[in-house]
Protein backbone atom coordinates (compact mmCIF):
# COMPACT_ATOMS: atom_id res chain seq x y z
CA MET A 1 132.96 199.61 27.30
CA ASP A 2 132.79 203.42 26.10
CA ASN A 3 132.65 206.58 28.72
CA LEU A 4 129.08 206.93 28.01
CA LYS A 5 127.98 203.33 28.80
CA THR A 6 129.97 203.05 31.50
CA GLU A 7 128.42 206.32 32.97
CA LEU A 8 125.18 205.01 32.60
CA LEU A 9 125.90 201.52 34.13
CA ASN A 10 127.44 203.26 37.01
CA GLY A 11 124.48 205.33 37.65
CA LEU A 12 121.65 202.40 36.97
CA SER A 13 123.80 200.26 39.30
CA ALA A 14 123.96 203.04 41.90
CA ASN A 15 121.70 203.26 45.28
CA PRO A 16 119.67 204.98 44.53
CA MET A 17 119.61 204.78 40.97
CA PHE A 18 120.05 207.67 38.69
CA ILE A 19 120.51 208.49 35.00
CA PRO A 20 122.83 211.82 34.44
CA ALA A 21 121.30 214.81 33.64
CA TRP A 22 123.32 215.30 30.54
CA TYR A 23 121.87 212.36 28.81
CA ARG A 24 118.58 213.86 28.14
CA TYR A 25 120.20 216.41 26.00
CA ASP A 26 120.15 214.73 22.68
CA GLU A 27 118.58 216.07 19.23
CA GLU A 28 115.07 215.55 20.67
CA GLY A 29 115.73 216.43 24.22
CA SER A 30 117.40 219.78 23.01
CA ARG A 31 114.26 220.24 20.73
CA LEU A 32 111.98 219.54 24.03
CA ASN A 33 114.10 221.99 26.12
CA ASP A 34 113.43 224.65 23.75
CA ILE A 35 109.90 224.02 23.64
CA CYS A 36 109.82 223.76 27.48
CA MET A 37 111.68 227.09 27.64
CA GLU A 38 109.42 228.89 25.12
CA GLN A 39 105.97 227.73 25.87
CA CYS A 40 105.81 226.80 29.38
CA LYS A 41 104.37 229.73 31.30
CA TYR A 42 105.63 228.31 34.73
CA TYR A 43 109.56 228.27 33.45
CA TYR A 44 110.63 231.77 34.58
CA PHE A 45 114.26 231.33 34.09
CA HIS A 46 114.21 231.79 30.08
CA ARG A 47 112.00 234.95 29.94
CA PHE A 48 113.91 236.66 33.12
CA GLU A 49 117.05 235.69 31.74
CA ARG A 50 116.42 237.16 28.06
CA ASN A 51 114.86 240.40 30.10
CA ILE A 52 117.69 241.01 31.91
CA LEU A 53 120.27 240.65 28.88
CA ILE A 54 118.33 243.00 26.95
CA ASP A 55 118.12 245.52 29.66
CA ILE A 56 121.90 245.32 30.31
CA ILE A 57 123.14 244.59 26.84
CA THR A 58 124.66 248.06 26.20
CA GLU A 59 126.31 248.30 29.16
CA LEU A 60 127.68 244.57 29.11
CA THR A 61 129.30 244.80 25.82
CA GLU A 62 131.18 247.81 26.69
CA TYR A 63 133.52 245.44 28.91
CA LEU A 64 133.65 243.14 25.56
CA LYS A 65 133.87 245.42 22.50
CA ASP A 66 137.82 244.46 22.18
CA SER A 67 136.98 240.61 21.65
CA ARG A 68 136.75 239.05 18.33
CA MET A 69 135.59 235.70 19.13
CA VAL A 70 132.58 234.35 21.04
CA VAL A 71 132.76 230.88 22.58
CA ASP A 72 128.96 229.73 23.57
CA LEU A 73 128.97 226.91 25.80
CA GLY A 74 125.86 224.94 25.90
CA SER A 75 124.58 227.06 22.82
CA GLY A 76 121.50 225.50 22.22
CA ASN A 77 119.65 227.42 19.47
CA ALA A 78 121.86 230.42 20.34
CA THR A 79 119.06 233.09 20.58
CA LYS A 80 120.55 234.88 23.73
CA THR A 81 123.69 234.93 22.48
CA MET A 82 122.77 236.58 18.93
CA LEU A 83 121.96 239.55 21.60
CA ILE A 84 125.62 239.97 22.07
CA LEU A 85 126.56 239.15 18.51
CA ASP A 86 124.30 241.71 17.37
CA LYS A 87 125.84 244.50 19.64
CA LEU A 88 129.52 243.46 18.79
CA LEU A 89 128.65 243.50 15.16
CA GLU A 90 127.71 247.09 15.23
CA THR A 91 131.47 247.95 15.45
CA HIS A 92 133.20 244.96 14.27
CA GLU A 93 133.02 244.13 10.78
CA SER A 94 133.39 240.26 11.62
CA LEU A 95 133.84 237.82 14.31
CA THR A 96 134.52 234.30 15.22
CA TYR A 97 131.65 232.09 16.60
CA VAL A 98 132.26 228.71 18.36
CA PRO A 99 129.11 227.32 19.74
CA VAL A 100 129.63 224.15 21.73
CA ASP A 101 126.80 221.73 22.28
CA ILE A 102 126.85 218.02 23.47
CA SER A 103 123.93 217.27 20.81
CA LYS A 104 125.88 217.32 17.49
CA ASP A 105 122.81 216.91 15.55
CA PHE A 106 121.30 219.93 17.47
CA LEU A 107 124.39 221.94 17.11
CA SER A 108 124.70 221.48 13.19
CA LYS A 109 121.27 222.86 12.76
CA THR A 110 122.05 225.83 14.89
CA ALA A 111 125.17 226.59 13.23
CA ALA A 112 123.26 226.60 9.67
CA ASN A 113 120.71 228.76 11.20
CA VAL A 114 123.29 231.13 12.48
CA LYS A 115 125.04 231.03 9.39
CA THR A 116 121.97 232.03 7.31
CA ILE A 117 121.44 235.00 9.70
CA TYR A 118 124.80 236.22 9.61
CA GLY A 119 126.33 235.42 6.54
CA ASN A 120 130.05 236.36 6.08
CA LYS A 121 130.02 238.38 9.35
CA LEU A 122 130.63 235.18 11.34
CA ASP A 123 133.39 232.44 10.84
CA ILE A 124 131.35 229.64 12.58
CA GLN A 125 133.59 226.93 14.42
CA PRO A 126 131.19 224.67 16.11
CA ILE A 127 132.49 222.11 18.72
CA GLY A 128 130.09 219.07 19.24
CA GLU A 129 131.36 217.89 22.65
CA GLU A 130 130.86 217.69 26.38
CA TYR A 131 132.40 220.95 28.18
CA MET A 132 135.82 219.30 29.27
CA VAL A 133 136.89 218.09 25.91
CA ALA A 134 135.54 221.37 24.25
CA LEU A 135 137.31 223.69 26.39
CA ARG A 136 140.60 221.80 25.91
CA LYS A 137 140.14 222.63 21.87
CA VAL A 138 138.96 226.52 22.84
CA LYS A 139 142.59 226.75 24.82
CA THR A 140 144.22 226.52 21.52
CA MET A 141 142.31 229.31 19.93
CA THR A 142 144.60 232.41 20.73
CA ASP A 143 142.17 235.48 19.61
CA LYS A 144 141.10 237.43 22.36
CA LYS A 145 137.53 235.80 23.51
CA ILE A 146 134.32 236.15 25.53
CA ILE A 147 133.04 233.01 26.72
CA VAL A 148 129.32 232.79 27.68
CA TRP A 149 127.61 230.33 29.53
CA PHE A 150 123.81 230.89 29.35
CA GLY A 151 121.67 229.02 31.80
CA SER A 152 123.66 225.86 31.75
CA LEU A 153 125.76 225.76 34.72
CA GLN A 154 122.78 225.45 36.77
CA SER A 155 122.28 222.23 35.04
CA LEU A 156 125.09 220.70 36.95
CA SER A 157 125.99 219.63 40.29
CA TYR A 158 127.92 221.82 42.58
CA GLU A 159 131.05 219.82 42.16
CA LYS A 160 130.76 219.68 38.39
CA GLN A 161 130.12 223.56 38.30
CA LEU A 162 133.38 223.82 39.90
CA ASP A 163 135.31 221.34 37.73
CA VAL A 164 133.89 223.34 34.54
CA LEU A 165 134.85 226.56 36.07
CA LEU A 166 138.39 225.20 36.73
CA GLU A 167 138.66 224.26 33.28
CA ILE A 168 137.36 227.78 31.99
CA ARG A 169 139.75 229.33 34.06
CA ASN A 170 142.58 227.14 32.41
CA THR A 171 141.23 227.94 29.04
CA MET A 172 141.18 231.81 29.65
CA GLN A 173 143.88 234.25 28.69
CA VAL A 174 144.38 237.07 30.77
CA ASP A 175 142.43 239.44 28.78
CA ASP A 176 139.54 237.04 28.16
CA LYS A 177 135.83 237.54 29.59
CA LEU A 178 133.53 235.19 30.83
CA VAL A 179 129.75 235.88 30.90
CA ILE A 180 127.62 233.54 32.97
CA THR A 181 123.90 233.55 33.74
CA PHE A 182 122.58 231.93 36.94
CA ASP A 183 119.53 231.39 38.95
CA VAL A 184 119.17 233.83 41.99
CA THR A 185 115.61 232.89 43.08
CA ASP A 186 115.10 232.84 46.87
CA ALA A 187 114.89 229.53 47.93
CA SER A 188 111.94 230.53 50.20
CA ARG A 189 109.82 230.52 46.83
CA LYS A 190 109.49 226.61 46.70
CA ASP A 191 106.30 226.41 45.14
CA ILE A 192 107.04 228.58 42.20
CA ILE A 193 110.54 227.00 41.80
CA GLU A 194 108.97 223.22 41.98
CA LEU A 195 106.28 224.19 39.61
CA SER A 196 109.02 225.62 36.93
CA TYR A 197 110.77 222.58 36.99
CA LEU A 198 107.77 220.21 36.71
CA ASP A 199 104.80 221.96 35.41
CA PRO A 200 101.18 220.74 35.06
CA GLU A 201 101.14 221.27 31.58
CA GLY A 202 103.73 218.41 31.27
CA TYR A 203 106.51 220.38 29.03
CA SER A 204 109.04 219.70 31.86
CA GLU A 205 108.20 215.93 32.28
CA ASN A 206 108.51 215.60 28.37
CA PHE A 207 111.86 216.83 28.79
CA TYR A 208 112.90 214.64 31.65
CA LEU A 209 111.43 211.37 30.13
CA ASN A 210 113.68 212.05 27.11
CA SER A 211 116.50 210.26 28.89
CA ILE A 212 114.16 207.25 29.55
CA HIS A 213 112.86 207.18 25.95
CA ARG A 214 116.81 207.56 24.74
CA LEU A 215 117.89 204.89 27.15
CA ASN A 216 115.29 202.38 25.60
CA ARG A 217 115.99 203.41 22.29
CA GLU A 218 119.62 203.55 22.07
CA MET A 219 120.76 200.92 24.87
CA ASN A 220 117.84 198.39 24.26
CA GLY A 221 115.97 199.27 27.42
CA ASN A 222 112.63 198.39 28.37
CA ILE A 223 111.68 200.74 31.06
CA ASP A 224 108.01 201.23 31.07
CA VAL A 225 107.04 205.12 32.07
CA SER A 226 103.15 204.04 32.77
CA LYS A 227 104.57 202.16 35.84
CA PHE A 228 106.17 205.22 37.28
CA LYS A 229 105.04 208.74 38.56
CA ILE A 230 107.53 211.88 38.23
CA GLU A 231 108.06 213.88 41.02
CA ASN A 232 110.52 217.07 42.11
CA GLU A 233 111.80 218.57 45.12
CA LEU A 234 113.63 221.87 45.96
CA VAL A 235 116.26 221.24 48.29
CA ALA A 236 117.08 224.45 50.21
CA ASN A 237 120.73 225.30 51.10
CA THR A 238 122.25 228.41 52.69
CA LYS A 239 125.81 227.30 53.15
CA SER A 240 128.36 229.75 51.40
CA ASN A 241 130.14 226.49 50.04
CA ASN A 242 126.91 224.93 48.29
CA CYS A 243 123.63 225.93 46.66
CA SER A 244 120.04 225.10 46.54
CA TYR A 245 118.99 222.55 44.21
CA VAL A 246 116.05 220.52 42.68
CA ASN A 247 115.88 217.01 42.53
CA VAL A 248 113.66 215.23 39.91
CA TRP A 249 112.83 211.53 39.98
CA ILE A 250 110.47 208.85 38.77
CA GLU A 251 109.22 206.73 41.28
CA ALA A 252 107.61 203.08 40.97
CA ILE A 253 103.89 202.93 41.37
CA GLU A 254 104.52 198.91 41.38
CA ASN A 255 106.91 196.11 41.22
CA CYS A 256 108.65 195.82 38.27
CA GLU A 257 111.99 194.96 36.46
CA VAL A 258 114.14 196.58 33.78
CA ASN A 259 116.54 195.27 31.34
CA ILE A 260 119.00 197.25 29.65
CA GLY A 261 120.49 195.02 26.87
CA LYS A 262 123.49 196.87 25.71
CA LEU A 263 124.58 197.35 29.28
CA ASP A 264 124.19 193.81 30.39
CA LEU A 265 122.15 194.97 33.14
CA THR A 266 119.02 193.66 34.88
CA ARG A 267 117.64 195.00 38.08
CA LYS A 268 114.29 194.61 40.03
CA ILE A 269 112.76 198.01 41.36
CA LEU A 270 110.00 197.57 43.98
CA LYS A 271 106.94 199.92 44.34
CA GLY A 272 108.12 203.41 46.01
CA GLU A 273 111.84 203.22 44.76
CA ARG A 274 113.08 205.93 42.97
CA LEU A 275 114.93 206.27 39.80
CA TYR A 276 116.75 209.82 39.86
CA LEU A 277 116.94 211.75 36.29
CA ASN A 278 119.88 213.70 37.72
CA GLU A 279 123.62 213.05 39.57
CA GLU A 280 123.60 213.49 43.29
CA GLY A 281 123.46 216.94 44.02
CA GLY A 282 120.52 218.03 41.85
CA ILE A 283 119.81 220.15 39.00
CA SER A 284 118.33 223.61 38.42
CA SER A 285 120.47 224.92 41.00
CA LYS A 286 119.84 228.40 42.89
CA HIS A 287 122.81 230.70 44.30
CA THR A 288 123.07 233.65 46.37
CA ILE A 289 125.13 236.10 45.20
CA ALA A 290 127.58 235.47 47.86
CA GLN A 291 127.30 231.70 46.95
CA PHE A 292 128.27 232.41 43.51
CA GLU A 293 131.17 234.50 44.30
CA TYR A 294 132.53 231.89 46.80
CA LEU A 295 132.25 229.31 43.81
CA LEU A 296 133.94 231.65 41.29
CA ASN A 297 136.87 232.20 43.84
CA LYS A 298 137.43 228.68 44.50
CA ALA A 299 138.01 228.50 40.75
CA SER A 300 140.46 231.47 40.88
CA LEU A 301 138.07 233.42 39.07
CA GLY A 302 136.64 236.84 39.98
CA MET A 303 133.66 238.69 39.73
CA GLU A 304 133.86 241.96 37.76
CA LYS A 305 130.63 243.13 37.44
CA TYR A 306 127.13 241.55 38.29
CA TRP A 307 123.35 242.38 37.48
CA THR A 308 120.27 240.88 38.75
CA ASN A 309 116.46 241.01 38.48
CA GLU A 310 114.04 238.95 40.63
CA HIS A 311 115.21 235.52 39.22
CA VAL A 312 118.17 235.97 37.08
CA GLY A 313 121.84 236.94 37.67
CA VAL A 314 124.43 237.89 35.09
CA VAL A 315 128.01 238.01 36.11
CA LEU A 316 130.93 239.34 34.06
CA VAL A 317 133.95 237.07 35.13
CA LYS A 318 138.01 237.83 34.70
CA ARG A 319 140.90 235.50 35.96
CA GLN A 320 142.51 236.34 39.23
């Protein structure tokens, strides 16, 4: 059994059951995520992230101007990274651009679109892998590089955030730079946060349920979403060695039985039982600056400079 099937089977056999959050990011999931970010008025992060990047781009790129390679972790449609590319290309004739995305189909479209926009100014080297595999490939690239990780860290559990940061640290040469955006929304704003990640217009729901639809389609499953209701909850955490996060789940409104043919799994689900759409430790993390600095330090990384607005932090990171 391959790794994907093993992870799915482990999650669906657990108590409580879960589907890993990354599983929703196939080509359709990436498309739905873009729609959610761009059209959902309740989803604040994307707007505030773009605003702060525009506000600080001149100052930020002063720290990055000697680099000739941009590695884009979780590149999506690359619109935010283009802000950095545009600014660097004011003083560079050409750059190497390495977009990384788990959805190979979506990545190929992004790479083609970026090529259309920039032509020969960019040498585009896409990597369609999950972070750990991609970073091991990036480590072999010796050019002085900028690694950008925009809006994706918060989609991982705290433990996986640390794992990826450790791998990034191992990938970085001494003069490389890392730029991360993350959610600094105060956990006391529970209503705003929960609406942002489960809006009444259904954008978030469509995105989350893509993991169910993909499971049914690719793994020969029969989960009937009409027999479930979708809910979420913010879990606040003030400890320095953790963060706040959101849990998302579907809850059975009647007893049912699900079969996932390609996993050889049959499971009865009782009314009121939950199937989480993320791993333990949640998604959509919220960090204070102190929590984020603690996380970086655990990965032997240091905070060189940071900027914040109401909802988003941008941090420039160096190796320690």
